[in-house]
N, C-alpha and C. Protein backbone atom coordinates (compact mmCIF):
# COMPACT_ATOMS: atom_id res chain seq x y z
N UNK A 1 -97.50 165.11 112.66
CA UNK A 1 -97.82 165.29 111.09
C UNK A 1 -97.42 166.44 110.41
N UNK A 2 -96.73 166.89 109.48
CA UNK A 2 -96.18 167.82 108.69
C UNK A 2 -97.38 168.82 108.29
N UNK A 3 -97.11 169.76 108.06
CA UNK A 3 -97.96 170.75 107.51
C UNK A 3 -98.10 170.51 106.07
N UNK A 4 -99.21 170.52 105.26
CA UNK A 4 -99.41 170.57 103.61
C UNK A 4 -98.94 171.73 103.07
N UNK A 5 -97.64 171.76 102.15
CA UNK A 5 -97.07 172.91 101.74
C UNK A 5 -98.50 173.54 100.99
N UNK A 6 -98.19 174.90 101.04
CA UNK A 6 -98.88 176.14 100.23
C UNK A 6 -98.45 176.30 99.02
N UNK A 7 -99.00 176.21 97.89
CA UNK A 7 -98.15 176.28 96.35
C UNK A 7 -98.53 177.92 96.37
N UNK A 8 -97.17 178.40 96.26
CA UNK A 8 -97.89 179.95 96.02
C UNK A 8 -97.24 180.63 94.38
N UNK A 9 -97.57 181.41 93.84
CA UNK A 9 -96.84 181.74 92.73
C UNK A 9 -96.17 183.18 93.19
N UNK A 10 -95.39 183.67 92.76
CA UNK A 10 -94.40 185.14 92.92
C UNK A 10 -95.35 186.00 93.90
N UNK A 11 -96.93 186.20 92.53
CA UNK A 11 -97.56 187.44 93.06
C UNK A 11 -98.38 186.91 94.11
N UNK A 12 -98.80 185.86 94.29
CA UNK A 12 -99.58 185.51 95.31
C UNK A 12 -98.35 185.69 97.02
N UNK A 13 -97.53 185.50 96.80
CA UNK A 13 -96.22 185.27 98.01
C UNK A 13 -96.31 186.56 98.17
N UNK A 14 -96.51 187.87 96.72
CA UNK A 14 -96.15 189.13 97.46
C UNK A 14 -97.19 189.69 98.32
N UNK A 15 -98.24 189.57 97.42
CA UNK A 15 -99.95 189.42 98.11
C UNK A 15 -99.92 189.63 99.69
N UNK A 16 -99.52 187.94 99.69
CA UNK A 16 -99.57 187.78 101.52
C UNK A 16 -98.47 188.32 102.18
N UNK A 17 -97.56 188.65 101.76
CA UNK A 17 -96.42 189.38 102.53
C UNK A 17 -96.82 190.79 102.62
N UNK A 18 -97.19 191.81 101.93
CA UNK A 18 -97.66 193.07 101.76
C UNK A 18 -99.01 192.99 102.55
N UNK A 19 -99.81 192.25 102.72
CA UNK A 19 -100.96 192.24 103.45
C UNK A 19 -100.63 192.26 105.14
N UNK A 20 -99.52 191.10 105.34
CA UNK A 20 -99.14 190.98 106.54
C UNK A 20 -98.29 192.24 106.87
N UNK A 21 -97.58 192.90 106.36
CA UNK A 21 -96.61 193.95 106.94
C UNK A 21 -97.80 195.17 106.89
N UNK A 22 -98.71 195.32 106.10
CA UNK A 22 -99.95 196.20 106.33
C UNK A 22 -100.66 195.92 108.17
N UNK A 23 -101.01 194.41 108.34
CA UNK A 23 -101.38 194.53 109.46
C UNK A 23 -100.99 194.74 110.75
N UNK A 24 -99.31 194.45 110.50
CA UNK A 24 -98.54 194.03 111.76
C UNK A 24 -98.35 195.72 111.76
N UNK A 25 -97.62 196.38 110.79
CA UNK A 25 -97.23 197.55 110.95
C UNK A 25 -98.57 199.14 111.11
N UNK A 26 -99.29 198.68 110.46
CA UNK A 26 -100.22 199.96 110.34
C UNK A 26 -101.62 199.57 110.98
N UNK A 27 -102.07 198.40 110.82
CA UNK A 27 -103.57 197.91 111.30
C UNK A 27 -103.53 197.58 112.75
N UNK A 28 -102.56 197.16 113.50
CA UNK A 28 -102.11 197.10 114.89
C UNK A 28 -102.49 198.19 115.34
N UNK A 29 -101.48 199.54 114.91
CA UNK A 29 -101.21 200.86 116.03
C UNK A 29 -102.63 201.24 115.74
N UNK A 30 -103.42 201.29 113.97
CA UNK A 30 -105.15 202.20 114.15
C UNK A 30 -105.64 201.48 115.36
N UNK A 31 -105.77 200.26 115.34
CA UNK A 31 -107.16 199.38 116.38
C UNK A 31 -106.63 199.92 118.12
N UNK A 32 -104.93 199.48 118.33
CA UNK A 32 -104.66 199.84 119.58
C UNK A 32 -105.57 201.25 119.75
N UNK A 33 -105.15 202.61 118.99
CA UNK A 33 -105.94 203.31 118.99
C UNK A 33 -107.28 203.61 119.24
N UNK A 34 -107.69 202.71 118.44
CA UNK A 34 -109.07 203.12 118.64
C UNK A 34 -109.33 202.37 120.29
N UNK A 35 -108.84 201.38 121.08
CA UNK A 35 -108.95 200.80 121.95
C UNK A 35 -108.51 201.93 123.12
N UNK A 36 -107.72 202.60 122.54
CA UNK A 36 -106.79 203.94 123.77
C UNK A 36 -108.23 204.75 124.21
N UNK A 37 -108.93 204.95 122.77
CA UNK A 37 -110.21 206.21 122.65
C UNK A 37 -111.18 206.01 123.24
N UNK A 38 -111.33 204.65 122.94
CA UNK A 38 -112.92 203.99 123.76
C UNK A 38 -112.36 203.75 125.29
N UNK A 39 -111.55 203.51 125.88
CA UNK A 39 -111.06 203.40 127.23
C UNK A 39 -111.59 204.60 128.07
N UNK A 40 -110.91 205.64 127.21
CA UNK A 40 -111.27 206.87 127.85
C UNK A 40 -112.49 207.29 128.12
N UNK A 41 -113.80 206.96 127.03
CA UNK A 41 -115.16 206.93 127.72
C UNK A 41 -115.71 206.23 128.89
N UNK A 42 -114.57 205.75 129.55
CA UNK A 42 -115.35 205.22 131.06
C UNK A 42 -115.68 203.77 131.07
N UNK A 43 -116.87 203.68 131.68
CA UNK A 43 -117.39 202.12 132.16
C UNK A 43 -117.23 201.23 131.03
N UNK A 44 -116.58 200.35 130.80
CA UNK A 44 -116.27 199.53 129.77
C UNK A 44 -117.14 198.11 129.82
N UNK A 45 -117.85 198.07 130.98
CA UNK A 45 -118.98 197.17 130.38
C UNK A 45 -120.14 197.96 129.68
N UNK A 46 -119.91 198.45 129.28
CA UNK A 46 -121.45 199.44 128.55
C UNK A 46 -120.52 200.17 127.49
N UNK A 47 -119.46 199.52 126.92
CA UNK A 47 -118.75 200.72 126.76
C UNK A 47 -118.69 199.77 124.67
N UNK A 48 -119.85 200.23 123.44
CA UNK A 48 -119.70 199.58 122.46
C UNK A 48 -118.55 199.68 121.43
N UNK A 49 -118.11 201.16 121.98
CA UNK A 49 -116.79 201.01 121.36
C UNK A 49 -116.05 200.44 121.22
N UNK A 50 -115.40 200.01 122.66
CA UNK A 50 -114.63 199.62 123.29
C UNK A 50 -114.36 197.83 123.00
N UNK A 51 -115.90 197.45 122.88
CA UNK A 51 -116.35 195.77 122.53
C UNK A 51 -115.56 196.05 120.72
N UNK A 52 -116.24 196.83 120.10
CA UNK A 52 -116.54 196.77 118.60
C UNK A 52 -114.70 196.58 118.18
N UNK A 53 -113.70 197.72 118.98
CA UNK A 53 -112.75 197.72 118.87
C UNK A 53 -111.68 196.28 118.99
N UNK A 54 -111.80 195.78 120.37
CA UNK A 54 -111.68 194.81 120.28
C UNK A 54 -111.71 193.40 119.80
N UNK A 55 -113.22 193.49 119.00
CA UNK A 55 -113.47 192.32 118.08
C UNK A 55 -112.76 192.45 116.88
N UNK A 56 -112.48 193.82 116.20
CA UNK A 56 -111.43 194.27 115.11
C UNK A 56 -110.24 193.43 115.51
N UNK A 57 -109.40 193.87 116.59
CA UNK A 57 -108.73 193.53 116.99
C UNK A 57 -108.08 192.12 116.86
N UNK A 58 -109.16 191.23 117.63
CA UNK A 58 -109.02 189.89 117.20
C UNK A 58 -109.72 188.89 115.99
N UNK A 59 -110.06 189.74 115.24
CA UNK A 59 -110.47 189.25 113.86
C UNK A 59 -109.16 189.49 113.22
N UNK A 60 -108.68 190.93 113.37
CA UNK A 60 -106.93 191.21 113.03
C UNK A 60 -106.07 190.23 112.71
N UNK A 61 -105.94 190.19 114.38
CA UNK A 61 -104.90 188.92 114.98
C UNK A 61 -105.08 187.73 114.11
N UNK A 62 -105.90 187.26 114.16
CA UNK A 62 -106.71 185.76 113.80
C UNK A 62 -105.92 185.69 112.20
N UNK A 63 -106.34 187.04 111.40
CA UNK A 63 -105.59 186.65 109.84
C UNK A 63 -104.18 187.06 109.95
N UNK A 64 -103.66 187.47 110.92
CA UNK A 64 -102.11 187.39 110.81
C UNK A 64 -101.91 186.14 111.31
N UNK A 65 -102.16 185.36 112.38
CA UNK A 65 -102.03 183.43 112.35
C UNK A 65 -101.98 183.02 111.38
N UNK A 66 -102.99 183.47 110.29
CA UNK A 66 -103.43 182.57 109.57
C UNK A 66 -102.19 182.82 107.96
N UNK A 67 -101.96 184.09 107.90
CA UNK A 67 -101.05 184.53 107.22
C UNK A 67 -99.98 184.24 107.04
N UNK A 68 -99.13 184.11 108.52
CA UNK A 68 -98.01 183.57 108.94
C UNK A 68 -97.75 182.15 109.21
N UNK A 69 -98.88 181.23 109.55
CA UNK A 69 -98.98 179.94 109.08
C UNK A 69 -98.84 180.19 107.40
N UNK A 70 -99.46 180.10 106.18
CA UNK A 70 -99.12 180.26 104.74
C UNK A 70 -98.00 180.31 104.50
N UNK A 71 -97.22 181.57 105.17
CA UNK A 71 -96.29 181.69 104.69
C UNK A 71 -95.19 180.99 105.07
N UNK A 72 -95.14 180.35 106.23
CA UNK A 72 -94.25 179.32 107.04
C UNK A 72 -94.39 177.78 106.12
N UNK A 73 -95.53 177.87 105.48
CA UNK A 73 -95.58 176.08 104.86
C UNK A 73 -95.64 176.57 103.15
N UNK A 74 -94.96 178.14 102.59
CA UNK A 74 -95.30 178.40 101.26
C UNK A 74 -94.21 177.76 100.54
N UNK A 75 -94.30 177.09 99.21
CA UNK A 75 -93.36 176.52 98.54
C UNK A 75 -93.69 177.33 97.34
N UNK A 76 -92.81 178.05 96.90
CA UNK A 76 -92.78 179.41 95.57
C UNK A 76 -92.80 178.28 93.94
N UNK A 77 -93.47 178.34 93.19
CA UNK A 77 -93.88 177.75 92.26
C UNK A 77 -92.89 178.49 91.07
N UNK A 78 -92.05 177.54 90.37
CA UNK A 78 -91.07 178.17 89.56
C UNK A 78 -91.62 177.91 88.12
N UNK A 79 -92.52 179.25 87.62
CA UNK A 79 -93.11 179.03 86.63
C UNK A 79 -92.38 178.61 85.13
N UNK A 80 -91.05 179.10 85.52
CA UNK A 80 -90.31 178.87 84.47
C UNK A 80 -89.98 177.58 84.22
N UNK A 81 -90.34 176.68 85.03
CA UNK A 81 -89.91 174.93 84.99
C UNK A 81 -91.44 174.13 84.80
N UNK A 82 -92.32 174.72 84.30
CA UNK A 82 -93.37 174.24 83.93
C UNK A 82 -93.68 174.66 82.39
N UNK A 83 -94.54 173.41 82.00
CA UNK A 83 -94.79 173.33 80.44
C UNK A 83 -96.48 173.60 80.32
N UNK A 84 -96.63 173.81 78.74
CA UNK A 84 -97.70 173.67 78.51
C UNK A 84 -98.28 172.66 77.94
N UNK A 85 -97.87 171.47 78.34
CA UNK A 85 -98.68 170.74 77.61
C UNK A 85 -99.81 169.62 78.45
N UNK A 86 -99.97 170.21 79.83
CA UNK A 86 -100.61 169.56 80.46
C UNK A 86 -101.03 170.73 81.99
N UNK A 87 -102.33 170.68 82.14
CA UNK A 87 -102.83 171.87 82.98
C UNK A 87 -101.98 171.15 84.64
N UNK A 88 -101.48 172.15 85.26
CA UNK A 88 -100.88 172.56 86.88
C UNK A 88 -101.08 173.73 86.84
N UNK A 89 -100.74 173.61 88.46
CA UNK A 89 -100.40 175.07 89.27
C UNK A 89 -100.17 175.78 88.53
N UNK A 90 -100.44 176.99 88.21
CA UNK A 90 -99.99 178.23 87.34
C UNK A 90 -100.56 178.18 86.15
N UNK A 91 -101.04 177.29 85.31
CA UNK A 91 -101.52 177.28 84.06
C UNK A 91 -102.38 178.07 83.97
N UNK A 92 -102.82 178.89 82.96
CA UNK A 92 -103.73 179.43 82.10
C UNK A 92 -104.80 178.49 81.19
N UNK A 93 -105.74 178.42 81.63
CA UNK A 93 -106.64 177.38 80.98
C UNK A 93 -107.82 178.24 79.97
N UNK A 94 -107.51 177.99 78.63
CA UNK A 94 -108.86 178.45 78.03
C UNK A 94 -109.93 177.26 77.85
N UNK A 95 -110.90 177.60 78.08
CA UNK A 95 -112.02 176.24 77.94
C UNK A 95 -113.65 176.50 77.60
N UNK A 96 -114.20 175.86 77.04
CA UNK A 96 -115.17 176.19 76.62
C UNK A 96 -116.27 175.15 77.38
N UNK A 97 -117.30 175.30 77.72
CA UNK A 97 -118.78 175.11 78.76
C UNK A 97 -119.43 174.70 77.24
N UNK A 98 -119.24 173.21 77.51
CA UNK A 98 -120.37 172.25 76.35
C UNK A 98 -121.72 172.73 76.12
N UNK A 99 -122.27 173.02 77.01
CA UNK A 99 -123.65 173.32 77.07
C UNK A 99 -123.93 174.67 76.51
N UNK A 100 -123.12 175.68 76.78
CA UNK A 100 -123.61 176.80 76.04
C UNK A 100 -122.79 177.13 75.43
N UNK A 101 -121.61 176.69 74.92
CA UNK A 101 -120.50 177.14 74.21
C UNK A 101 -120.03 178.85 74.66
N UNK A 102 -119.91 178.60 75.96
CA UNK A 102 -119.38 179.87 76.51
C UNK A 102 -117.94 179.71 76.65
N UNK A 103 -116.56 180.54 76.26
CA UNK A 103 -115.25 180.45 76.35
C UNK A 103 -115.09 181.01 77.54
N UNK A 104 -113.98 180.40 78.44
CA UNK A 104 -113.65 181.26 79.52
C UNK A 104 -112.32 180.72 79.90
N UNK A 105 -111.49 181.64 80.41
CA UNK A 105 -110.20 181.64 80.73
C UNK A 105 -109.80 181.77 82.37
N UNK A 106 -109.11 180.49 82.90
CA UNK A 106 -108.73 180.72 84.36
C UNK A 106 -107.47 180.30 84.34
N UNK A 107 -106.70 180.84 85.36
CA UNK A 107 -105.38 180.59 86.28
C UNK A 107 -105.31 179.72 87.14
N UNK A 108 -105.04 178.32 87.21
CA UNK A 108 -105.38 177.58 88.57
C UNK A 108 -103.98 178.14 88.92
N UNK A 109 -104.42 178.34 90.90
CA UNK A 109 -103.91 178.52 91.74
C UNK A 109 -104.04 177.63 92.83
N UNK A 110 -103.08 177.51 93.93
CA UNK A 110 -102.84 176.80 94.64
C UNK A 110 -104.20 177.31 95.71
N UNK A 111 -104.61 175.74 96.25
CA UNK A 111 -105.70 176.12 97.10
C UNK A 111 -105.49 176.70 98.53
N UNK A 112 -104.23 176.85 99.34
CA UNK A 112 -104.30 177.59 100.33
C UNK A 112 -103.74 178.73 100.52
N UNK A 113 -103.54 179.26 98.98
CA UNK A 113 -102.87 180.42 98.98
C UNK A 113 -103.89 181.77 99.13
N UNK A 114 -105.27 181.30 99.11
CA UNK A 114 -106.60 182.55 99.35
C UNK A 114 -105.85 183.36 97.88
N UNK A 115 -105.27 183.09 96.89
CA UNK A 115 -105.52 183.85 95.57
C UNK A 115 -106.52 183.41 94.67
N UNK A 116 -107.06 182.16 95.29
CA UNK A 116 -108.01 182.45 94.03
C UNK A 116 -109.63 183.11 94.06
N UNK A 117 -110.24 183.36 92.77
CA UNK A 117 -110.85 184.72 92.88
C UNK A 117 -111.37 184.67 91.34
N UNK A 118 -112.61 183.91 91.30
CA UNK A 118 -112.83 183.37 90.10
C UNK A 118 -113.81 184.43 89.50
N UNK A 119 -114.13 185.82 89.92
CA UNK A 119 -114.42 187.05 89.27
C UNK A 119 -113.12 187.26 88.89
N UNK A 120 -111.91 187.10 88.93
CA UNK A 120 -110.59 187.75 88.59
C UNK A 120 -110.26 186.75 87.57
N UNK A 121 -110.33 185.57 87.46
CA UNK A 121 -109.83 184.39 86.64
C UNK A 121 -109.17 183.82 87.28
N UNK A 122 -109.37 183.46 88.44
CA UNK A 122 -108.43 182.53 89.15
C UNK A 122 -109.09 181.29 90.08
N UNK A 123 -108.81 180.24 89.87
CA UNK A 123 -109.71 179.25 90.51
C UNK A 123 -108.47 178.37 91.16
N UNK A 124 -109.19 177.77 91.95
CA UNK A 124 -107.94 177.04 93.31
C UNK A 124 -107.78 175.59 92.19
N UNK A 125 -106.70 174.82 92.34
CA UNK A 125 -107.08 173.15 91.77
C UNK A 125 -107.71 172.46 92.70
N UNK A 126 -108.22 173.24 93.63
CA UNK A 126 -109.27 172.19 94.53
C UNK A 126 -110.18 172.36 94.56
N UNK A 127 -110.85 173.48 93.60
CA UNK A 127 -111.83 174.33 93.15
C UNK A 127 -112.89 172.86 92.36
N UNK A 128 -113.83 172.47 91.93
CA UNK A 128 -114.14 171.30 91.32
C UNK A 128 -113.86 171.56 89.64
N UNK A 129 -113.99 172.71 89.10
CA UNK A 129 -113.55 172.87 87.94
C UNK A 129 -111.72 173.05 87.87
N UNK A 130 -111.16 173.06 88.80
CA UNK A 130 -109.53 172.98 88.86
C UNK A 130 -109.09 171.62 88.91
N UNK A 131 -110.11 171.25 89.65
CA UNK A 131 -109.64 169.36 90.40
C UNK A 131 -109.82 168.90 88.84
N UNK A 132 -110.51 168.80 88.40
CA UNK A 132 -111.08 168.32 87.03
C UNK A 132 -110.22 168.44 85.55
N UNK A 133 -109.82 170.02 85.94
CA UNK A 133 -108.79 170.27 84.88
C UNK A 133 -107.00 169.71 85.14
N UNK A 134 -107.08 169.54 86.33
CA UNK A 134 -105.16 169.16 86.71
C UNK A 134 -105.11 168.43 85.73
N UNK A 135 -104.13 168.33 85.05
CA UNK A 135 -103.27 167.14 84.61
C UNK A 135 -103.75 166.56 82.98
N UNK A 136 -105.04 167.41 82.50
CA UNK A 136 -105.51 167.48 81.74
C UNK A 136 -104.70 168.10 80.33
N UNK A 137 -104.91 167.83 79.24
CA UNK A 137 -104.35 168.13 77.60
C UNK A 137 -105.17 168.83 77.21
N UNK A 138 -104.80 169.73 76.16
CA UNK A 138 -106.01 170.23 75.16
C UNK A 138 -106.33 169.57 73.93
N UNK A 139 -107.62 169.47 74.41
CA UNK A 139 -108.48 168.72 73.15
C UNK A 139 -109.38 167.87 74.46
N UNK A 140 -108.82 167.81 75.54
CA UNK A 140 -109.48 166.67 77.15
C UNK A 140 -110.97 167.30 77.05
N UNK A 141 -111.69 166.42 77.11
CA UNK A 141 -112.95 166.64 77.50
C UNK A 141 -113.11 166.16 79.13
N UNK A 142 -113.85 167.12 79.79
CA UNK A 142 -114.00 166.72 81.12
C UNK A 142 -115.58 167.01 81.63
N UNK A 143 -116.01 166.05 82.88
CA UNK A 143 -117.06 166.44 83.21
C UNK A 143 -117.03 166.71 84.42
N UNK A 144 -117.59 168.00 85.05
CA UNK A 144 -117.54 168.21 86.55
C UNK A 144 -119.05 168.58 87.15
N UNK A 145 -119.01 168.27 88.20
CA UNK A 145 -120.19 168.30 88.90
C UNK A 145 -120.00 169.74 90.10
N UNK A 146 -120.79 170.57 89.72
CA UNK A 146 -120.93 171.99 90.10
C UNK A 146 -122.47 171.78 91.05
N UNK A 147 -122.29 173.19 91.47
CA UNK A 147 -123.84 172.77 92.11
C UNK A 147 -124.84 173.07 91.13
N UNK A 148 -124.51 173.70 90.44
CA UNK A 148 -125.55 173.46 89.16
C UNK A 148 -125.74 172.05 88.60
N UNK A 149 -124.98 171.32 88.88
CA UNK A 149 -124.89 170.20 88.31
C UNK A 149 -124.28 169.81 87.33
N UNK A 150 -124.15 168.86 86.76
CA UNK A 150 -122.69 167.95 85.92
C UNK A 150 -122.65 168.87 84.23
N UNK A 151 -121.09 169.44 84.41
CA UNK A 151 -121.10 170.31 83.16
C UNK A 151 -120.20 169.51 82.40
N UNK A 152 -120.09 169.79 81.12
CA UNK A 152 -119.25 169.60 80.04
C UNK A 152 -118.02 170.59 79.69
N UNK A 153 -116.93 170.01 79.87
CA UNK A 153 -115.78 171.22 79.38
C UNK A 153 -115.06 170.48 78.80
N UNK A 154 -114.73 171.40 77.58
CA UNK A 154 -113.54 170.93 76.87
C UNK A 154 -112.50 172.14 77.07
N UNK A 155 -110.93 171.53 77.15
CA UNK A 155 -109.72 172.43 77.00
C UNK A 155 -109.28 172.89 75.72
N UNK A 156 -109.60 174.31 75.44
CA UNK A 156 -109.07 175.05 74.00
C UNK A 156 -107.51 175.20 74.14
N UNK A 157 -106.98 175.52 75.34
CA UNK A 157 -105.25 176.04 74.82
C UNK A 157 -104.95 175.96 76.75
N UNK A 158 -103.72 175.98 76.79
CA UNK A 158 -103.13 175.83 77.70
C UNK A 158 -101.62 176.83 78.01
N UNK A 159 -101.33 178.26 78.59
CA UNK A 159 -100.33 178.67 78.23
C UNK A 159 -99.96 179.13 79.63
N UNK A 160 -99.14 179.97 80.19
CA UNK A 160 -98.42 180.41 81.36
C UNK A 160 -98.97 181.65 81.41
């Protein structure tokens, strides 16, 4: 079975490529030095510095593998070919929470891209709100099941 493509914006792709370069070129050397120093302390069976450095190395290598897997399946979203008629990946959507009248703006990003960060106004297309908004138009009202219950949302504006 082929891997599912990871839809990325140009910004998301650059962020992942920069993180991978940092981990491979700087962080690996830094951790290797920590391991070398910890080894010099002698007995490895009771050497917490060595254990900590090896754990840090394992976590870093796992992250490198994750980023490489994402980049292998990455498909760059051409934002110039998208319209503002319906919500799609890369859309910036202004919504109103009908229960409170609160207005919020989110950019819809790909789920496998690690770009999602609600505090920065970026939500995944597979998050409850993101999935409910996909392919909808200005004026549409959707109901979204969230951890806090069902929420009514009205789409006010769709931009790039």
